Amino acid sequence: MSKDSDTIHFRTMVVDDIGTVPIGHQGDQDEVKTRIRDLGSSAILAFDGNQHVGQLQFRRYAADTRSPKGLWHPLYWGEFGNDAPSLPDRTLSIFCYHVGQMDESDNRDARYQGRGIGLQLLDHFLDWAEHAGFEAIVAKAIPAPRAVMSFMGGQSVKTYTERGFEVFSNVVDQELRTIVREKQLVSADADCDTAALISGCVKFF
């Protein structure tokens, strides 16, 4: 595999990709096909040559989204609870980033970490969404410590605000707070509340 970030290429996911790229966190094949036909795509994909090395998943925003298993279910990324804003019909919700994903497993190839691939996935997504006529993008921003970001598969508030997002909510996720402590994702003297602060962000086109 190449180590140069400029060899990574990006594109939107299409129906023909089903069966050739990982979709485990997107849903079953029929669900993903329906989403692609509805929205035009369901993810931005990253490749090193022909090898899938990452994706940024997204879905249509629904204010009433609830995760059945907290942060252990993909719907976690679309759940904003009582803070869920009222947004235009053509709004997309960013789900998780899978940088270093080579197959359907939860393993991640460290050679692709820390190379800005996640940021490029986001930038390609925002450009595509605007040109596709979507009106807004909503996202959950996660705490900035690298270990927390790697565990969660997301981006920080700074990343989103630099791209024109506005913060509409800040909530300490108690489930994440417990995990941060148990997995020692931050130093012993770090504030666990800060390390588990999840922010709701929205960008209008």
N, C-alpha and C. Protein backbone atom coordinates (compact mmCIF):
# COMPACT_ATOMS: atom_id res chain seq x y z
N MET A 1 0.84 -1.20 0.00
CA MET A 1 0.00 0.00 0.00
C MET A 1 0.88 1.26 0.00
N SER A 2 0.41 2.25 -0.70
CA SER A 2 1.14 3.50 -0.75
C SER A 2 1.02 4.26 0.56
N LYS A 3 2.05 5.00 0.88
CA LYS A 3 2.01 5.80 2.10
C LYS A 3 1.77 7.28 1.80
N ASP A 4 1.71 7.67 0.54
CA ASP A 4 1.53 9.06 0.18
C ASP A 4 0.05 9.41 0.12
N SER A 5 -0.34 10.45 0.89
CA SER A 5 -1.75 10.80 0.98
C SER A 5 -2.33 11.21 -0.37
N ASP A 6 -1.48 11.71 -1.31
CA ASP A 6 -2.03 12.16 -2.58
C ASP A 6 -2.39 10.99 -3.50
N THR A 7 -2.10 9.77 -3.08
CA THR A 7 -2.52 8.61 -3.87
C THR A 7 -3.93 8.16 -3.50
N ILE A 8 -4.48 8.69 -2.42
CA ILE A 8 -5.84 8.32 -2.01
C ILE A 8 -6.83 9.07 -2.88
N HIS A 9 -7.81 8.35 -3.41
CA HIS A 9 -8.84 9.02 -4.19
C HIS A 9 -10.21 8.77 -3.59
N PHE A 10 -11.13 9.67 -3.87
CA PHE A 10 -12.42 9.71 -3.20
C PHE A 10 -13.53 9.77 -4.24
N ARG A 11 -14.66 9.17 -3.91
CA ARG A 11 -15.85 9.28 -4.76
C ARG A 11 -17.09 8.90 -3.94
N THR A 12 -18.25 9.22 -4.49
CA THR A 12 -19.49 8.83 -3.83
C THR A 12 -19.76 7.35 -4.05
N MET A 13 -20.44 6.74 -3.10
CA MET A 13 -20.84 5.35 -3.21
C MET A 13 -22.07 5.23 -4.10
N VAL A 14 -22.09 4.21 -4.95
CA VAL A 14 -23.23 3.95 -5.83
C VAL A 14 -23.72 2.52 -5.59
N VAL A 15 -24.87 2.20 -6.16
CA VAL A 15 -25.47 0.88 -5.94
C VAL A 15 -24.52 -0.25 -6.34
N ASP A 16 -23.77 -0.06 -7.41
CA ASP A 16 -22.85 -1.11 -7.87
C ASP A 16 -21.73 -1.40 -6.89
N ASP A 17 -21.51 -0.53 -5.92
CA ASP A 17 -20.48 -0.77 -4.91
C ASP A 17 -20.91 -1.82 -3.89
N ILE A 18 -22.20 -2.02 -3.76
CA ILE A 18 -22.70 -2.98 -2.78
C ILE A 18 -22.22 -4.38 -3.14
N GLY A 19 -21.58 -5.02 -2.19
CA GLY A 19 -20.98 -6.32 -2.43
C GLY A 19 -19.49 -6.24 -2.66
N THR A 20 -18.98 -5.02 -2.87
CA THR A 20 -17.54 -4.86 -3.09
C THR A 20 -16.87 -3.97 -2.04
N VAL A 21 -17.66 -3.17 -1.31
CA VAL A 21 -17.11 -2.35 -0.23
C VAL A 21 -17.87 -2.65 1.05
N PRO A 22 -17.26 -2.41 2.21
CA PRO A 22 -17.94 -2.69 3.48
C PRO A 22 -19.19 -1.84 3.67
N ILE A 23 -20.28 -2.46 4.10
CA ILE A 23 -21.51 -1.70 4.39
C ILE A 23 -22.12 -2.10 5.73
N GLY A 24 -21.37 -2.85 6.54
CA GLY A 24 -21.91 -3.39 7.79
C GLY A 24 -22.56 -2.36 8.69
N HIS A 25 -22.01 -1.16 8.75
CA HIS A 25 -22.55 -0.13 9.62
C HIS A 25 -23.60 0.73 8.91
N GLN A 26 -23.83 0.46 7.63
CA GLN A 26 -24.84 1.22 6.89
C GLN A 26 -26.20 0.53 6.89
N GLY A 27 -26.22 -0.77 7.14
CA GLY A 27 -27.47 -1.53 7.11
C GLY A 27 -27.38 -2.67 6.13
N ASP A 28 -28.49 -3.38 5.92
CA ASP A 28 -28.46 -4.49 4.98
C ASP A 28 -28.49 -3.95 3.55
N GLN A 29 -28.28 -4.83 2.59
CA GLN A 29 -28.14 -4.41 1.20
C GLN A 29 -29.37 -3.66 0.68
N ASP A 30 -30.55 -4.17 0.98
CA ASP A 30 -31.77 -3.52 0.50
C ASP A 30 -31.91 -2.12 1.08
N GLU A 31 -31.58 -1.98 2.36
CA GLU A 31 -31.66 -0.66 3.01
C GLU A 31 -30.70 0.32 2.38
N VAL A 32 -29.49 -0.13 2.10
CA VAL A 32 -28.49 0.76 1.50
C VAL A 32 -28.88 1.12 0.08
N LYS A 33 -29.38 0.16 -0.69
CA LYS A 33 -29.85 0.45 -2.05
C LYS A 33 -30.94 1.51 -2.04
N THR A 34 -31.88 1.37 -1.12
CA THR A 34 -32.98 2.34 -1.01
C THR A 34 -32.44 3.72 -0.68
N ARG A 35 -31.48 3.78 0.23
CA ARG A 35 -30.90 5.07 0.63
C ARG A 35 -30.17 5.72 -0.54
N ILE A 36 -29.41 4.94 -1.29
CA ILE A 36 -28.68 5.49 -2.43
C ILE A 36 -29.65 6.03 -3.48
N ARG A 37 -30.72 5.29 -3.73
CA ARG A 37 -31.69 5.74 -4.72
C ARG A 37 -32.44 6.99 -4.26
N ASP A 38 -32.62 7.11 -2.96
CA ASP A 38 -33.31 8.27 -2.40
C ASP A 38 -32.43 9.51 -2.42
N LEU A 39 -31.18 9.36 -1.98
CA LEU A 39 -30.30 10.50 -1.77
C LEU A 39 -29.29 10.73 -2.90
N GLY A 40 -29.03 9.69 -3.67
CA GLY A 40 -27.99 9.79 -4.68
C GLY A 40 -26.72 9.09 -4.26
N SER A 41 -26.57 8.83 -2.97
CA SER A 41 -25.44 8.09 -2.41
C SER A 41 -25.72 7.86 -0.94
N SER A 42 -24.86 7.05 -0.30
CA SER A 42 -25.00 6.83 1.15
C SER A 42 -23.67 7.00 1.87
N ALA A 43 -22.60 7.26 1.10
CA ALA A 43 -21.28 7.42 1.70
C ALA A 43 -20.32 8.02 0.70
N ILE A 44 -19.29 8.67 1.22
CA ILE A 44 -18.12 9.03 0.43
C ILE A 44 -17.08 7.96 0.72
N LEU A 45 -16.51 7.39 -0.33
CA LEU A 45 -15.55 6.31 -0.20
C LEU A 45 -14.13 6.80 -0.48
N ALA A 46 -13.17 6.19 0.21
CA ALA A 46 -11.75 6.48 -0.02
C ALA A 46 -11.06 5.19 -0.45
N PHE A 47 -10.21 5.30 -1.47
CA PHE A 47 -9.49 4.15 -1.99
C PHE A 47 -8.01 4.45 -2.11
N ASP A 48 -7.20 3.44 -1.86
CA ASP A 48 -5.77 3.46 -2.18
C ASP A 48 -5.61 2.47 -3.32
N GLY A 49 -5.52 2.97 -4.54
CA GLY A 49 -5.61 2.09 -5.69
C GLY A 49 -7.02 1.52 -5.76
N ASN A 50 -7.13 0.20 -5.75
CA ASN A 50 -8.45 -0.45 -5.76
C ASN A 50 -8.90 -0.88 -4.36
N GLN A 51 -8.05 -0.61 -3.35
CA GLN A 51 -8.35 -1.05 -2.00
C GLN A 51 -9.17 0.00 -1.24
N HIS A 52 -10.35 -0.38 -0.76
CA HIS A 52 -11.15 0.50 0.09
C HIS A 52 -10.40 0.75 1.38
N VAL A 53 -10.23 2.03 1.75
CA VAL A 53 -9.50 2.36 2.98
C VAL A 53 -10.27 3.30 3.89
N GLY A 54 -11.49 3.65 3.52
CA GLY A 54 -12.26 4.52 4.40
C GLY A 54 -13.57 4.94 3.79
N GLN A 55 -14.47 5.39 4.65
CA GLN A 55 -15.74 5.93 4.18
C GLN A 55 -16.35 6.84 5.22
N LEU A 56 -17.11 7.81 4.74
CA LEU A 56 -17.91 8.69 5.59
C LEU A 56 -19.36 8.41 5.22
N GLN A 57 -20.13 7.94 6.19
CA GLN A 57 -21.51 7.54 5.93
C GLN A 57 -22.46 8.69 6.29
N PHE A 58 -23.58 8.74 5.57
CA PHE A 58 -24.58 9.76 5.86
C PHE A 58 -25.97 9.21 5.54
N ARG A 59 -26.97 9.86 6.13
CA ARG A 59 -28.36 9.47 5.93
C ARG A 59 -29.23 10.72 5.91
N ARG A 60 -30.46 10.55 5.52
CA ARG A 60 -31.40 11.66 5.58
C ARG A 60 -31.66 12.00 7.05
N TYR A 61 -31.65 13.29 7.37
CA TYR A 61 -31.88 13.71 8.76
C TYR A 61 -33.32 13.47 9.17
N ALA A 62 -33.51 12.92 10.35
CA ALA A 62 -34.83 12.74 10.94
C ALA A 62 -34.73 13.13 12.41
N ALA A 63 -35.47 14.16 12.81
CA ALA A 63 -35.37 14.70 14.16
C ALA A 63 -35.75 13.69 15.23
N ASP A 64 -36.56 12.70 14.87
CA ASP A 64 -37.02 11.72 15.86
C ASP A 64 -36.14 10.47 15.93
N THR A 65 -34.97 10.50 15.33
CA THR A 65 -34.06 9.34 15.35
C THR A 65 -33.66 9.00 16.79
N ARG A 66 -33.74 7.72 17.12
CA ARG A 66 -33.30 7.24 18.43
C ARG A 66 -32.48 5.96 18.23
N SER A 67 -31.38 5.85 18.95
CA SER A 67 -30.54 4.66 18.87
C SER A 67 -31.05 3.61 19.85
N PRO A 68 -31.22 2.36 19.40
CA PRO A 68 -31.68 1.31 20.32
C PRO A 68 -30.60 0.80 21.27
N LYS A 69 -29.33 1.14 20.99
CA LYS A 69 -28.23 0.63 21.81
C LYS A 69 -27.22 1.72 22.14
N GLY A 70 -27.67 2.92 22.33
CA GLY A 70 -26.75 4.00 22.67
C GLY A 70 -25.69 4.18 21.60
N LEU A 71 -24.44 4.40 22.02
CA LEU A 71 -23.39 4.63 21.04
C LEU A 71 -22.89 3.36 20.36
N TRP A 72 -23.51 2.23 20.71
CA TRP A 72 -23.12 0.96 20.08
C TRP A 72 -23.98 0.64 18.86
N HIS A 73 -24.73 1.59 18.39
CA HIS A 73 -25.56 1.39 17.20
C HIS A 73 -25.37 2.58 16.26
N PRO A 74 -25.32 2.35 14.93
CA PRO A 74 -25.10 3.47 14.00
C PRO A 74 -26.08 4.63 14.16
N LEU A 75 -27.32 4.35 14.58
CA LEU A 75 -28.29 5.44 14.71
C LEU A 75 -27.91 6.45 15.78
N TYR A 76 -26.95 6.11 16.61
CA TYR A 76 -26.44 7.06 17.61
C TYR A 76 -26.07 8.39 16.95
N TRP A 77 -25.47 8.30 15.74
CA TRP A 77 -24.97 9.51 15.08
C TRP A 77 -26.08 10.43 14.61
N GLY A 78 -27.27 9.90 14.46
CA GLY A 78 -28.38 10.74 14.01
C GLY A 78 -29.31 11.15 15.13
N GLU A 79 -28.99 10.75 16.36
CA GLU A 79 -29.87 11.04 17.50
C GLU A 79 -29.43 12.31 18.24
N PHE A 80 -30.33 13.28 18.32
CA PHE A 80 -30.05 14.52 19.04
C PHE A 80 -31.06 14.77 20.16
N GLY A 81 -31.96 13.83 20.38
CA GLY A 81 -32.90 13.91 21.48
C GLY A 81 -33.73 15.18 21.46
N ASN A 82 -33.91 15.76 22.63
CA ASN A 82 -34.72 16.98 22.74
C ASN A 82 -34.05 18.19 22.10
N ASP A 83 -32.76 18.07 21.79
CA ASP A 83 -32.04 19.17 21.15
C ASP A 83 -32.14 19.13 19.63
N ALA A 84 -32.80 18.12 19.09
CA ALA A 84 -32.88 17.97 17.64
C ALA A 84 -33.52 19.21 17.01
N PRO A 85 -32.83 19.88 16.11
CA PRO A 85 -33.39 21.10 15.52
C PRO A 85 -34.39 20.79 14.41
N SER A 86 -35.24 21.75 14.13
CA SER A 86 -36.15 21.66 12.99
C SER A 86 -35.38 22.16 11.77
N LEU A 87 -35.19 21.28 10.78
CA LEU A 87 -34.34 21.60 9.63
C LEU A 87 -35.09 21.32 8.33
N PRO A 88 -34.61 21.88 7.23
CA PRO A 88 -35.27 21.65 5.93
C PRO A 88 -35.36 20.17 5.57
N ASP A 89 -36.31 19.85 4.71
CA ASP A 89 -36.50 18.46 4.30
C ASP A 89 -35.24 17.86 3.69
N ARG A 90 -34.55 18.66 2.87
CA ARG A 90 -33.34 18.15 2.22
C ARG A 90 -32.11 18.42 3.09
N THR A 91 -32.12 17.77 4.25
CA THR A 91 -31.01 17.85 5.20
C THR A 91 -30.41 16.46 5.36
N LEU A 92 -29.09 16.39 5.37
CA LEU A 92 -28.39 15.13 5.59
C LEU A 92 -27.74 15.12 6.96
N SER A 93 -27.66 13.94 7.53
CA SER A 93 -27.03 13.74 8.83
C SER A 93 -25.76 12.92 8.64
N ILE A 94 -24.63 13.46 9.09
CA ILE A 94 -23.36 12.74 9.02
C ILE A 94 -23.37 11.63 10.06
N PHE A 95 -23.01 10.44 9.62
CA PHE A 95 -22.87 9.33 10.55
C PHE A 95 -21.37 9.13 10.84
N CYS A 96 -20.84 7.93 10.85
CA CYS A 96 -19.47 7.76 11.31
C CYS A 96 -18.45 7.72 10.19
N TYR A 97 -17.20 7.99 10.56
CA TYR A 97 -16.04 7.93 9.68
C TYR A 97 -15.32 6.61 9.95
N HIS A 98 -14.96 5.90 8.88
CA HIS A 98 -14.26 4.62 9.03
C HIS A 98 -12.93 4.71 8.30
N VAL A 99 -11.96 5.38 8.89
CA VAL A 99 -10.66 5.56 8.26
C VAL A 99 -9.76 4.36 8.58
N GLY A 100 -9.20 3.78 7.53
CA GLY A 100 -8.38 2.59 7.70
C GLY A 100 -9.17 1.30 7.60
N GLN A 101 -10.43 1.40 7.14
CA GLN A 101 -11.29 0.22 7.04
C GLN A 101 -10.99 -0.53 5.74
N MET A 102 -10.51 -1.76 5.88
CA MET A 102 -10.15 -2.56 4.71
C MET A 102 -11.22 -3.59 4.36
N ASP A 103 -12.05 -3.95 5.35
CA ASP A 103 -13.05 -5.00 5.13
C ASP A 103 -14.22 -4.77 6.08
N GLU A 104 -15.08 -5.78 6.22
CA GLU A 104 -16.27 -5.63 7.05
C GLU A 104 -15.99 -5.70 8.56
N SER A 105 -14.78 -6.03 8.94
CA SER A 105 -14.47 -6.13 10.37
C SER A 105 -14.33 -4.74 10.97
N ASP A 106 -14.21 -4.69 12.31
CA ASP A 106 -13.97 -3.43 12.99
C ASP A 106 -12.50 -3.08 13.08
N ASN A 107 -11.63 -3.89 12.48
CA ASN A 107 -10.20 -3.60 12.47
C ASN A 107 -9.93 -2.39 11.57
N ARG A 108 -8.93 -1.59 11.96
CA ARG A 108 -8.55 -0.42 11.18
C ARG A 108 -7.03 -0.46 10.95
N ASP A 109 -6.63 -0.24 9.72
CA ASP A 109 -5.22 -0.25 9.35
C ASP A 109 -4.59 1.08 9.78
N ALA A 110 -3.66 1.02 10.72
CA ALA A 110 -3.06 2.22 11.29
C ALA A 110 -2.28 3.04 10.27
N ARG A 111 -1.91 2.43 9.16
CA ARG A 111 -1.16 3.17 8.14
C ARG A 111 -1.98 4.30 7.53
N TYR A 112 -3.29 4.23 7.68
CA TYR A 112 -4.15 5.26 7.10
C TYR A 112 -4.64 6.27 8.12
N GLN A 113 -4.24 6.09 9.38
CA GLN A 113 -4.65 7.00 10.44
C GLN A 113 -3.72 8.22 10.45
N GLY A 114 -4.27 9.37 10.82
CA GLY A 114 -3.47 10.57 11.00
C GLY A 114 -2.93 11.17 9.71
N ARG A 115 -3.54 10.85 8.60
CA ARG A 115 -3.08 11.36 7.30
C ARG A 115 -4.06 12.35 6.68
N GLY A 116 -5.07 12.74 7.44
CA GLY A 116 -6.04 13.71 6.92
C GLY A 116 -7.10 13.12 6.04
N ILE A 117 -7.20 11.79 6.00
CA ILE A 117 -8.20 11.16 5.14
C ILE A 117 -9.61 11.48 5.61
N GLY A 118 -9.83 11.49 6.93
CA GLY A 118 -11.14 11.84 7.46
C GLY A 118 -11.57 13.24 7.05
N LEU A 119 -10.64 14.19 7.11
CA LEU A 119 -10.96 15.56 6.72
C LEU A 119 -11.28 15.65 5.23
N GLN A 120 -10.55 14.90 4.42
CA GLN A 120 -10.82 14.89 2.99
C GLN A 120 -12.17 14.24 2.68
N LEU A 121 -12.52 13.20 3.43
CA LEU A 121 -13.84 12.60 3.26
C LEU A 121 -14.93 13.64 3.53
N LEU A 122 -14.74 14.40 4.61
CA LEU A 122 -15.72 15.43 4.96
C LEU A 122 -15.80 16.51 3.89
N ASP A 123 -14.67 16.99 3.41
CA ASP A 123 -14.67 18.05 2.41
C ASP A 123 -15.31 17.58 1.10
N HIS A 124 -15.02 16.34 0.69
CA HIS A 124 -15.65 15.80 -0.51
C HIS A 124 -17.17 15.68 -0.31
N PHE A 125 -17.56 15.27 0.89
CA PHE A 125 -18.99 15.15 1.17
C PHE A 125 -19.69 16.49 1.11
N LEU A 126 -19.13 17.50 1.74
CA LEU A 126 -19.77 18.82 1.76
C LEU A 126 -19.88 19.39 0.35
N ASP A 127 -18.85 19.20 -0.45
CA ASP A 127 -18.89 19.69 -1.83
C ASP A 127 -19.97 18.96 -2.63
N TRP A 128 -20.02 17.63 -2.47
CA TRP A 128 -21.03 16.85 -3.19
C TRP A 128 -22.44 17.24 -2.75
N ALA A 129 -22.66 17.35 -1.43
CA ALA A 129 -23.99 17.65 -0.91
C ALA A 129 -24.49 19.00 -1.39
N GLU A 130 -23.62 19.99 -1.40
CA GLU A 130 -24.04 21.32 -1.86
C GLU A 130 -24.42 21.28 -3.34
N HIS A 131 -23.59 20.63 -4.15
CA HIS A 131 -23.87 20.58 -5.59
C HIS A 131 -25.07 19.69 -5.90
N ALA A 132 -25.40 18.76 -5.00
CA ALA A 132 -26.56 17.89 -5.20
C ALA A 132 -27.86 18.56 -4.76
N GLY A 133 -27.77 19.77 -4.22
CA GLY A 133 -28.96 20.53 -3.87
C GLY A 133 -29.50 20.32 -2.47
N PHE A 134 -28.69 19.74 -1.57
CA PHE A 134 -29.15 19.61 -0.19
C PHE A 134 -29.05 20.97 0.49
N GLU A 135 -29.91 21.18 1.49
CA GLU A 135 -30.03 22.50 2.10
C GLU A 135 -29.25 22.65 3.39
N ALA A 136 -28.98 21.54 4.08
CA ALA A 136 -28.28 21.63 5.36
C ALA A 136 -27.63 20.29 5.67
N ILE A 137 -26.63 20.34 6.55
CA ILE A 137 -25.94 19.15 7.05
C ILE A 137 -25.90 19.25 8.56
N VAL A 138 -26.23 18.16 9.24
CA VAL A 138 -26.16 18.12 10.69
C VAL A 138 -25.18 17.03 11.10
N ALA A 139 -24.46 17.28 12.19
CA ALA A 139 -23.42 16.33 12.61
C ALA A 139 -23.24 16.36 14.12
N LYS A 140 -22.75 15.26 14.65
CA LYS A 140 -22.30 15.20 16.04
C LYS A 140 -20.79 15.39 16.05
N ALA A 141 -20.34 16.39 16.77
CA ALA A 141 -18.90 16.59 16.93
C ALA A 141 -18.47 15.94 18.24
N ILE A 142 -17.30 15.32 18.21
CA ILE A 142 -16.82 14.59 19.38
C ILE A 142 -15.61 15.28 19.98
N PRO A 143 -15.25 14.92 21.20
CA PRO A 143 -14.09 15.55 21.85
C PRO A 143 -12.81 15.37 21.05
N ALA A 144 -11.91 16.34 21.17
CA ALA A 144 -10.73 16.40 20.33
C ALA A 144 -9.61 15.41 20.66
N PRO A 145 -9.49 14.89 21.89
CA PRO A 145 -8.38 13.96 22.14
C PRO A 145 -8.34 12.83 21.11
N ARG A 146 -7.15 12.59 20.54
CA ARG A 146 -7.00 11.63 19.44
C ARG A 146 -7.57 10.26 19.78
N ALA A 147 -7.35 9.79 21.00
CA ALA A 147 -7.83 8.45 21.37
C ALA A 147 -9.35 8.39 21.35
N VAL A 148 -10.01 9.48 21.78
CA VAL A 148 -11.47 9.52 21.78
C VAL A 148 -11.98 9.58 20.34
N MET A 149 -11.33 10.39 19.51
CA MET A 149 -11.73 10.50 18.11
C MET A 149 -11.58 9.16 17.39
N SER A 150 -10.48 8.46 17.66
CA SER A 150 -10.25 7.17 17.03
C SER A 150 -11.28 6.15 17.46
N PHE A 151 -11.61 6.17 18.75
CA PHE A 151 -12.60 5.22 19.27
C PHE A 151 -13.98 5.49 18.67
N MET A 152 -14.35 6.76 18.58
CA MET A 152 -15.69 7.11 18.12
C MET A 152 -15.82 7.12 16.60
N GLY A 153 -14.77 7.51 15.90
CA GLY A 153 -14.86 7.61 14.45
C GLY A 153 -15.59 8.87 14.01
N GLY A 154 -15.16 10.01 14.56
CA GLY A 154 -15.82 11.27 14.22
C GLY A 154 -14.83 12.41 14.16
N GLN A 155 -15.36 13.64 14.10
CA GLN A 155 -14.53 14.83 14.02
C GLN A 155 -14.86 15.80 15.15
N SER A 156 -13.95 16.70 15.41
CA SER A 156 -14.08 17.65 16.52
C SER A 156 -14.92 18.86 16.14
N VAL A 157 -15.34 19.62 17.14
CA VAL A 157 -16.07 20.87 16.92
C VAL A 157 -15.26 21.81 16.04
N LYS A 158 -13.97 21.91 16.29
CA LYS A 158 -13.11 22.81 15.52
C LYS A 158 -13.16 22.47 14.03
N THR A 159 -13.11 21.18 13.72
CA THR A 159 -13.18 20.75 12.32
C THR A 159 -14.46 21.24 11.67
N TYR A 160 -15.58 21.11 12.37
CA TYR A 160 -16.86 21.52 11.80
C TYR A 160 -17.01 23.03 11.73
N THR A 161 -16.66 23.74 12.78
CA THR A 161 -16.83 25.19 12.76
C THR A 161 -15.93 25.85 11.72
N GLU A 162 -14.77 25.27 11.48
CA GLU A 162 -13.89 25.80 10.43
C GLU A 162 -14.53 25.67 9.04
N ARG A 163 -15.51 24.80 8.92
CA ARG A 163 -16.19 24.58 7.65
C ARG A 163 -17.59 25.19 7.62
N GLY A 164 -17.84 26.12 8.53
CA GLY A 164 -19.09 26.87 8.49
C GLY A 164 -20.23 26.30 9.29
N PHE A 165 -19.98 25.28 10.10
CA PHE A 165 -21.03 24.74 10.96
C PHE A 165 -21.21 25.63 12.19
N GLU A 166 -22.43 25.62 12.72
CA GLU A 166 -22.73 26.30 13.98
C GLU A 166 -23.14 25.27 15.01
N VAL A 167 -22.73 25.49 16.25
CA VAL A 167 -23.05 24.56 17.34
C VAL A 167 -24.43 24.89 17.90
N PHE A 168 -25.30 23.88 18.00
CA PHE A 168 -26.63 24.12 18.56
C PHE A 168 -26.86 23.38 19.88
N SER A 169 -25.95 22.48 20.27
CA SER A 169 -26.11 21.79 21.55
C SER A 169 -24.77 21.27 22.04
N ASN A 170 -24.65 21.14 23.35
CA ASN A 170 -23.48 20.54 23.99
C ASN A 170 -23.97 19.65 25.12
N VAL A 171 -23.68 18.37 25.04
CA VAL A 171 -24.18 17.42 26.04
C VAL A 171 -23.06 16.46 26.44
N VAL A 172 -22.86 16.27 27.73
CA VAL A 172 -21.92 15.25 28.19
C VAL A 172 -22.61 13.89 28.05
N ASP A 173 -22.05 13.06 27.20
CA ASP A 173 -22.60 11.72 26.97
C ASP A 173 -22.11 10.81 28.10
N GLN A 174 -23.01 10.42 28.97
CA GLN A 174 -22.61 9.65 30.15
C GLN A 174 -22.07 8.28 29.78
N GLU A 175 -22.59 7.69 28.72
CA GLU A 175 -22.08 6.40 28.27
C GLU A 175 -20.64 6.54 27.78
N LEU A 176 -20.38 7.57 27.00
CA LEU A 176 -19.03 7.82 26.52
C LEU A 176 -18.12 8.18 27.69
N ARG A 177 -18.62 8.93 28.65
CA ARG A 177 -17.81 9.30 29.81
C ARG A 177 -17.31 8.05 30.54
N THR A 178 -18.19 7.05 30.70
CA THR A 178 -17.80 5.81 31.35
C THR A 178 -16.73 5.09 30.53
N ILE A 179 -16.90 5.07 29.23
CA ILE A 179 -15.93 4.39 28.36
C ILE A 179 -14.58 5.10 28.39
N VAL A 180 -14.60 6.41 28.36
CA VAL A 180 -13.36 7.19 28.42
C VAL A 180 -12.58 6.84 29.68
N ARG A 181 -13.30 6.72 30.78
CA ARG A 181 -12.64 6.39 32.04
C ARG A 181 -12.14 4.95 32.06
N GLU A 182 -13.01 4.01 31.66
CA GLU A 182 -12.65 2.60 31.73
C GLU A 182 -11.55 2.23 30.75
N LYS A 183 -11.56 2.82 29.57
CA LYS A 183 -10.54 2.51 28.56
C LYS A 183 -9.33 3.42 28.65
N GLN A 184 -9.39 4.36 29.61
CA GLN A 184 -8.27 5.30 29.82
C GLN A 184 -7.90 6.01 28.52
N LEU A 185 -8.90 6.57 27.87
CA LEU A 185 -8.69 7.25 26.60
C LEU A 185 -8.05 8.62 26.77
N VAL A 186 -8.07 9.14 27.98
CA VAL A 186 -7.38 10.39 28.29
C VAL A 186 -6.56 10.17 29.55
N SER A 187 -5.68 11.10 29.85
CA SER A 187 -4.82 10.97 31.02
C SER A 187 -5.64 10.97 32.31
N ALA A 188 -5.08 10.44 33.35
CA ALA A 188 -5.79 10.28 34.62
C ALA A 188 -6.24 11.62 35.20
N ASP A 189 -5.50 12.68 34.90
CA ASP A 189 -5.85 14.00 35.47
C ASP A 189 -6.76 14.82 34.53
N ALA A 190 -7.17 14.24 33.40
CA ALA A 190 -8.03 14.96 32.47
C ALA A 190 -9.46 15.00 32.98
N ASP A 191 -10.19 16.01 32.56
CA ASP A 191 -11.61 16.15 32.93
C ASP A 191 -12.44 15.22 32.05
N CYS A 192 -13.05 14.21 32.63
CA CYS A 192 -13.83 13.23 31.87
C CYS A 192 -15.07 13.86 31.24
N ASP A 193 -15.64 14.88 31.86
CA ASP A 193 -16.79 15.55 31.27
C ASP A 193 -16.40 16.21 29.95
N THR A 194 -15.26 16.87 29.93
CA THR A 194 -14.78 17.51 28.70
C THR A 194 -14.48 16.46 27.64
N ALA A 195 -13.94 15.33 28.07
CA ALA A 195 -13.58 14.26 27.13
C ALA A 195 -14.79 13.49 26.62
N ALA A 196 -15.97 13.79 27.16
CA ALA A 196 -17.20 13.11 26.71
C ALA A 196 -18.25 14.11 26.24
N LEU A 197 -17.82 15.33 25.92
CA LEU A 197 -18.75 16.38 25.51
C LEU A 197 -19.08 16.24 24.01
N ILE A 198 -20.32 15.94 23.71
CA ILE A 198 -20.77 15.78 22.33
C ILE A 198 -21.55 17.04 21.91
N SER A 199 -21.17 17.58 20.76
CA SER A 199 -21.78 18.82 20.29
C SER A 199 -22.59 18.57 19.03
N GLY A 200 -23.78 19.13 18.98
CA GLY A 200 -24.59 19.10 17.77
C GLY A 200 -24.23 20.29 16.91
N CYS A 201 -23.96 20.06 15.63
CA CYS A 201 -23.54 21.12 14.73
C CYS A 201 -24.38 21.09 13.45
N VAL A 202 -24.63 22.25 12.87
CA VAL A 202 -25.39 22.31 11.63
C VAL A 202 -24.80 23.33 10.68
N LYS A 203 -24.82 23.00 9.41
CA LYS A 203 -24.35 23.91 8.36
C LYS A 203 -25.45 24.05 7.32
N PHE A 204 -25.74 25.30 6.95
CA PHE A 204 -26.73 25.59 5.91
C PHE A 204 -26.00 26.01 4.64
N PHE A 205 -26.50 25.54 3.51
CA PHE A 205 -25.93 25.93 2.22
C PHE A 205 -26.67 27.15 1.68
